[in-house]
Amino acid sequence: MKKLFIGILFFGALGVKAQYGSMNEILTILEERKGINQHLENVNIDNKKFVFIKDSDDHTERDFIIIKGNNATYVEVFDDKATGESSSNVFTGDIIRKKNIVSLRADMLENKKVPLPVTKTLLLTKQKDILYLIDINTKDRWIDEASYSNSKK
């Protein structure tokens, strides 16, 4: 009877450990999706280009953030579906990075100072070896062009 009790206790402990392992994996995947508890301080974002595409009924908007050191370029490209014409705005400014948070302030529009700069607060995340910037306010996801291109190969 004593051996049976010890055997049940042993196999029960193994089952709990296996459940904990799979539960831990699920929580890790969920945390990656939310972008929390990632330590990406050592990930270099210098010379990176992040892309965001938004499709509306009448136009398509393509936005780019190009980071070079502490300087940043923010480009908006609008494609009118009715006429087929494109227009763009090119903003320049700077970034500040603290751990996984990237703050963008673009105060120059085509080399002219603008009274109200474009500002974005972005969270750097990584999912399946692809870097993303998630806009804290709008939840828009900016994907790293290079890591997206490499993952499709």
C-alpha atoms as a PDB file:
ATOM      1  CA  MET A   1       0.000   0.000   0.000  1.00  0.00           C
ATOM      2  CA  LYS A   2       2.857   2.313   0.863  1.00  0.00           C
ATOM      3  CA  LYS A   3       4.542   1.651  -2.537  1.00  0.00           C
ATOM      4  CA  LEU A   4       1.278   2.346  -4.371  1.00  0.00           C
ATOM      5  CA  PHE A   5       0.864   5.685  -2.554  1.00  0.00           C
ATOM      6  CA  ILE A   6       4.477   6.715  -3.323  1.00  0.00           C
ATOM      7  CA  GLY A   7       4.013   5.683  -6.980  1.00  0.00           C
ATOM      8  CA  ILE A   8       0.823   7.745  -7.329  1.00  0.00           C
ATOM      9  CA  LEU A   9       2.526  10.711  -5.664  1.00  0.00           C
ATOM     10  CA  PHE A  10       5.554  10.387  -7.991  1.00  0.00           C
ATOM     11  CA  PHE A  11       3.492  10.225 -11.199  1.00  0.00           C
ATOM     12  CA  GLY A  12       1.224  13.011  -9.968  1.00  0.00           C
ATOM     13  CA  ALA A  13       4.247  15.242  -9.422  1.00  0.00           C
ATOM     14  CA  LEU A  14       5.473  14.481 -12.953  1.00  0.00           C
ATOM     15  CA  GLY A  15       2.044  15.396 -14.346  1.00  0.00           C
ATOM     16  CA  VAL A  16       2.011  18.704 -12.471  1.00  0.00           C
ATOM     17  CA  LYS A  17       5.520  19.492 -13.723  1.00  0.00           C
ATOM     18  CA  ALA A  18       4.477  18.747 -17.326  1.00  0.00           C
ATOM     19  CA  GLN A  19       1.379  20.928 -16.975  1.00  0.00           C
ATOM     20  CA  TYR A  20       3.468  23.729 -15.526  1.00  0.00           C
ATOM     21  CA  GLY A  21       5.907  23.485 -18.453  1.00  0.00           C
ATOM     22  CA  SER A  22       3.196  23.742 -21.108  1.00  0.00           C
ATOM     23  CA  MET A  23       1.402  26.478 -19.151  1.00  0.00           C
ATOM     24  CA  ASN A  24       4.665  28.407 -18.911  1.00  0.00           C
ATOM     25  CA  GLU A  25       5.159  28.135 -22.697  1.00  0.00           C
ATOM     26  CA  ILE A  26       1.622  29.429 -23.324  1.00  0.00           C
ATOM     27  CA  LEU A  27       2.200  32.387 -20.986  1.00  0.00           C
ATOM     28  CA  THR A  28       5.505  33.181 -22.715  1.00  0.00           C
ATOM     29  CA  ILE A  29       3.779  33.248 -26.129  1.00  0.00           C
ATOM     30  CA  LEU A  30       0.998  35.483 -24.784  1.00  0.00           C
ATOM     31  CA  GLU A  31       3.541  37.850 -23.223  1.00  0.00           C
ATOM     32  CA  GLU A  32       5.387  38.042 -26.561  1.00  0.00           C
ATOM     33  CA  ARG A  33       2.153  38.963 -28.310  1.00  0.00           C
ATOM     34  CA  LYS A  34       1.520  41.758 -25.824  1.00  0.00           C
ATOM     35  CA  GLY A  35       5.160  42.862 -25.943  1.00  0.00           C
ATOM     36  CA  ILE A  36       5.656  42.705 -22.199  1.00  0.00           C
ATOM     37  CA  ASN A  37       8.508  41.160 -20.257  1.00  0.00           C
ATOM     38  CA  GLN A  38      10.845  41.275 -23.228  1.00  0.00           C
ATOM     39  CA  HIS A  39      14.374  42.447 -22.591  1.00  0.00           C
ATOM     40  CA  LEU A  40      15.391  43.996 -25.917  1.00  0.00           C
ATOM     41  CA  GLU A  41      17.779  46.633 -24.576  1.00  0.00           C
ATOM     42  CA  ASN A  42      20.656  45.039 -26.505  1.00  0.00           C
ATOM     43  CA  VAL A  43      18.773  44.889 -29.831  1.00  0.00           C
ATOM     44  CA  ASN A  44      20.268  47.428 -32.219  1.00  0.00           C
ATOM     45  CA  ILE A  45      17.682  49.507 -34.092  1.00  0.00           C
ATOM     46  CA  ASP A  46      20.240  51.782 -35.750  1.00  0.00           C
ATOM     47  CA  ASN A  47      19.814  51.870 -39.568  1.00  0.00           C
ATOM     48  CA  LYS A  48      16.421  50.149 -39.304  1.00  0.00           C
ATOM     49  CA  LYS A  49      13.356  50.905 -41.388  1.00  0.00           C
ATOM     50  CA  PHE A  50       9.911  50.188 -39.944  1.00  0.00           C
ATOM     51  CA  VAL A  51       6.823  50.067 -42.178  1.00  0.00           C
ATOM     52  CA  PHE A  52       3.106  50.534 -41.466  1.00  0.00           C
ATOM     53  CA  ILE A  53       0.426  50.095 -44.160  1.00  0.00           C
ATOM     54  CA  LYS A  54      -3.180  51.149 -43.681  1.00  0.00           C
ATOM     55  CA  ASP A  55      -5.790  50.470 -46.360  1.00  0.00           C
ATOM     56  CA  SER A  56      -8.935  52.627 -46.462  1.00  0.00           C
ATOM     57  CA  ASP A  57     -11.832  52.738 -48.920  1.00  0.00           C
ATOM     58  CA  ASP A  58     -10.533  55.747 -50.853  1.00  0.00           C
ATOM     59  CA  HIS A  59      -6.773  55.639 -50.248  1.00  0.00           C
ATOM     60  CA  THR A  60      -3.847  53.571 -49.027  1.00  0.00           C
ATOM     61  CA  GLU A  61      -1.463  55.024 -46.484  1.00  0.00           C
ATOM     62  CA  ARG A  62       2.108  53.788 -46.214  1.00  0.00           C
ATOM     63  CA  ASP A  63       4.189  55.152 -43.369  1.00  0.00           C
ATOM     64  CA  PHE A  64       7.893  54.616 -42.761  1.00  0.00           C
ATOM     65  CA  ILE A  65      10.131  55.300 -39.784  1.00  0.00           C
ATOM     66  CA  ILE A  66      13.824  55.272 -40.661  1.00  0.00           C
ATOM     67  CA  ILE A  67      16.197  55.371 -37.693  1.00  0.00           C
ATOM     68  CA  LYS A  68      19.844  56.430 -38.026  1.00  0.00           C
ATOM     69  CA  GLY A  69      21.504  56.879 -34.667  1.00  0.00           C
ATOM     70  CA  ASN A  70      19.500  59.435 -32.695  1.00  0.00           C
ATOM     71  CA  ASN A  71      17.986  60.901 -35.870  1.00  0.00           C
ATOM     72  CA  ALA A  72      14.775  59.695 -37.442  1.00  0.00           C
ATOM     73  CA  THR A  73      12.874  60.249 -40.661  1.00  0.00           C
ATOM     74  CA  TYR A  74       9.117  59.775 -40.726  1.00  0.00           C
ATOM     75  CA  VAL A  75       7.572  59.450 -44.192  1.00  0.00           C
ATOM     76  CA  GLU A  76       3.852  59.408 -45.004  1.00  0.00           C
ATOM     77  CA  VAL A  77       2.826  58.265 -48.497  1.00  0.00           C
ATOM     78  CA  PHE A  78      -0.816  58.525 -49.560  1.00  0.00           C
ATOM     79  CA  ASP A  79      -2.031  56.653 -52.666  1.00  0.00           C
ATOM     80  CA  ASP A  80      -5.403  57.882 -53.946  1.00  0.00           C
ATOM     81  CA  LYS A  81      -7.364  54.897 -55.281  1.00  0.00           C
ATOM     82  CA  ALA A  82      -9.645  57.010 -57.498  1.00  0.00           C
ATOM     83  CA  THR A  83      -6.947  58.967 -59.337  1.00  0.00           C
ATOM     84  CA  GLY A  84      -3.930  56.723 -58.802  1.00  0.00           C
ATOM     85  CA  GLU A  85      -1.868  59.719 -57.642  1.00  0.00           C
ATOM     86  CA  SER A  86       0.553  59.622 -54.735  1.00  0.00           C
ATOM     87  CA  SER A  87       1.525  62.365 -52.320  1.00  0.00           C
ATOM     88  CA  SER A  88       4.023  62.293 -49.507  1.00  0.00           C
ATOM     89  CA  ASN A  89       5.218  64.165 -46.459  1.00  0.00           C
ATOM     90  CA  VAL A  90       8.784  63.758 -45.193  1.00  0.00           C
ATOM     91  CA  PHE A  91       9.375  64.689 -41.555  1.00  0.00           C
ATOM     92  CA  THR A  92      12.740  64.637 -39.820  1.00  0.00           C
ATOM     93  CA  GLY A  93      13.511  64.724 -36.146  1.00  0.00           C
ATOM     94  CA  ASP A  94      15.037  62.683 -33.380  1.00  0.00           C
ATOM     95  CA  ILE A  95      14.382  59.660 -31.200  1.00  0.00           C
ATOM     96  CA  ILE A  96      15.005  58.803 -27.586  1.00  0.00           C
ATOM     97  CA  ARG A  97      15.185  55.177 -26.520  1.00  0.00           C
ATOM     98  CA  LYS A  98      14.808  53.901 -22.968  1.00  0.00           C
ATOM     99  CA  LYS A  99      14.846  50.111 -22.763  1.00  0.00           C
ATOM    100  CA  ASN A 100      11.971  48.950 -25.019  1.00  0.00           C
ATOM    101  CA  ILE A 101      10.338  52.370 -25.423  1.00  0.00           C
ATOM    102  CA  VAL A 102      11.179  54.500 -28.469  1.00  0.00           C
ATOM    103  CA  SER A 103       9.955  58.115 -28.540  1.00  0.00           C
ATOM    104  CA  LEU A 104       9.880  59.849 -31.923  1.00  0.00           C
ATOM    105  CA  ARG A 105       9.638  63.636 -32.325  1.00  0.00           C
ATOM    106  CA  ALA A 106       9.679  64.863 -35.927  1.00  0.00           C
ATOM    107  CA  ASP A 107       9.619  68.657 -35.967  1.00  0.00           C
ATOM    108  CA  MET A 108      10.837  69.414 -39.504  1.00  0.00           C
ATOM    109  CA  LEU A 109       8.625  68.966 -42.589  1.00  0.00           C
ATOM    110  CA  GLU A 110      10.827  68.960 -45.685  1.00  0.00           C
ATOM    111  CA  ASN A 111      13.454  71.115 -43.902  1.00  0.00           C
ATOM    112  CA  LYS A 112      10.920  73.621 -42.522  1.00  0.00           C
ATOM    113  CA  LYS A 113      10.094  73.811 -38.837  1.00  0.00           C
ATOM    114  CA  VAL A 114       6.472  72.843 -38.073  1.00  0.00           C
ATOM    115  CA  PRO A 115       4.580  74.397 -35.146  1.00  0.00           C
ATOM    116  CA  LEU A 116       3.181  71.049 -33.969  1.00  0.00           C
ATOM    117  CA  PRO A 117       5.676  68.188 -34.332  1.00  0.00           C
ATOM    118  CA  VAL A 118       4.664  64.604 -35.117  1.00  0.00           C
ATOM    119  CA  THR A 119       5.226  62.568 -31.974  1.00  0.00           C
ATOM    120  CA  LYS A 120       4.965  58.846 -31.455  1.00  0.00           C
ATOM    121  CA  THR A 121       5.637  56.665 -28.439  1.00  0.00           C
ATOM    122  CA  LEU A 122       6.441  53.136 -29.561  1.00  0.00           C
ATOM    123  CA  LEU A 123       7.087  49.850 -27.778  1.00  0.00           C
ATOM    124  CA  LEU A 124       9.803  47.645 -29.286  1.00  0.00           C
ATOM    125  CA  THR A 125       8.738  43.996 -29.381  1.00  0.00           C
ATOM    126  CA  LYS A 126       9.956  40.810 -31.023  1.00  0.00           C
ATOM    127  CA  GLN A 127       7.820  37.895 -32.173  1.00  0.00           C
ATOM    128  CA  LYS A 128       9.198  34.922 -34.072  1.00  0.00           C
ATOM    129  CA  ASP A 129      12.474  36.783 -34.835  1.00  0.00           C
ATOM    130  CA  ILE A 130      10.604  39.769 -36.342  1.00  0.00           C
ATOM    131  CA  LEU A 131      10.986  43.206 -34.749  1.00  0.00           C
ATOM    132  CA  TYR A 132       7.925  45.412 -34.307  1.00  0.00           C
ATOM    133  CA  LEU A 133       7.232  48.872 -33.006  1.00  0.00           C
ATOM    134  CA  ILE A 134       3.773  49.088 -31.457  1.00  0.00           C
ATOM    135  CA  ASP A 135       2.284  52.565 -31.135  1.00  0.00           C
ATOM    136  CA  ILE A 136       1.301  52.949 -27.482  1.00  0.00           C
ATOM    137  CA  ASN A 137      -1.691  55.188 -28.282  1.00  0.00           C
ATOM    138  CA  THR A 138      -3.199  53.635 -31.420  1.00  0.00           C
ATOM    139  CA  LYS A 139      -1.886  50.034 -31.182  1.00  0.00           C
ATOM    140  CA  ASP A 140      -0.629  50.301 -34.791  1.00  0.00           C
ATOM    141  CA  ARG A 141       2.116  47.782 -35.520  1.00  0.00           C
ATOM    142  CA  TRP A 142       5.192  48.890 -37.422  1.00  0.00           C
ATOM    143  CA  ILE A 143       7.184  45.953 -38.789  1.00  0.00           C
ATOM    144  CA  ASP A 144      10.935  45.937 -39.392  1.00  0.00           C
ATOM    145  CA  GLU A 145      11.339  45.717 -43.139  1.00  0.00           C
ATOM    146  CA  ALA A 146      14.596  43.715 -43.021  1.00  0.00           C
ATOM    147  CA  SER A 147      13.422  41.077 -40.527  1.00  0.00           C
ATOM    148  CA  TYR A 148      10.129  40.665 -42.406  1.00  0.00           C
ATOM    149  CA  SER A 149      11.997  40.170 -45.692  1.00  0.00           C
ATOM    150  CA  ASN A 150      14.327  37.620 -44.082  1.00  0.00           C
ATOM    151  CA  SER A 151      11.464  35.636 -42.531  1.00  0.00           C
ATOM    152  CA  LYS A 152       9.705  35.186 -45.886  1.00  0.00           C
ATOM    153  CA  LYS A 153      12.748  33.445 -47.412  1.00  0.00           C
END
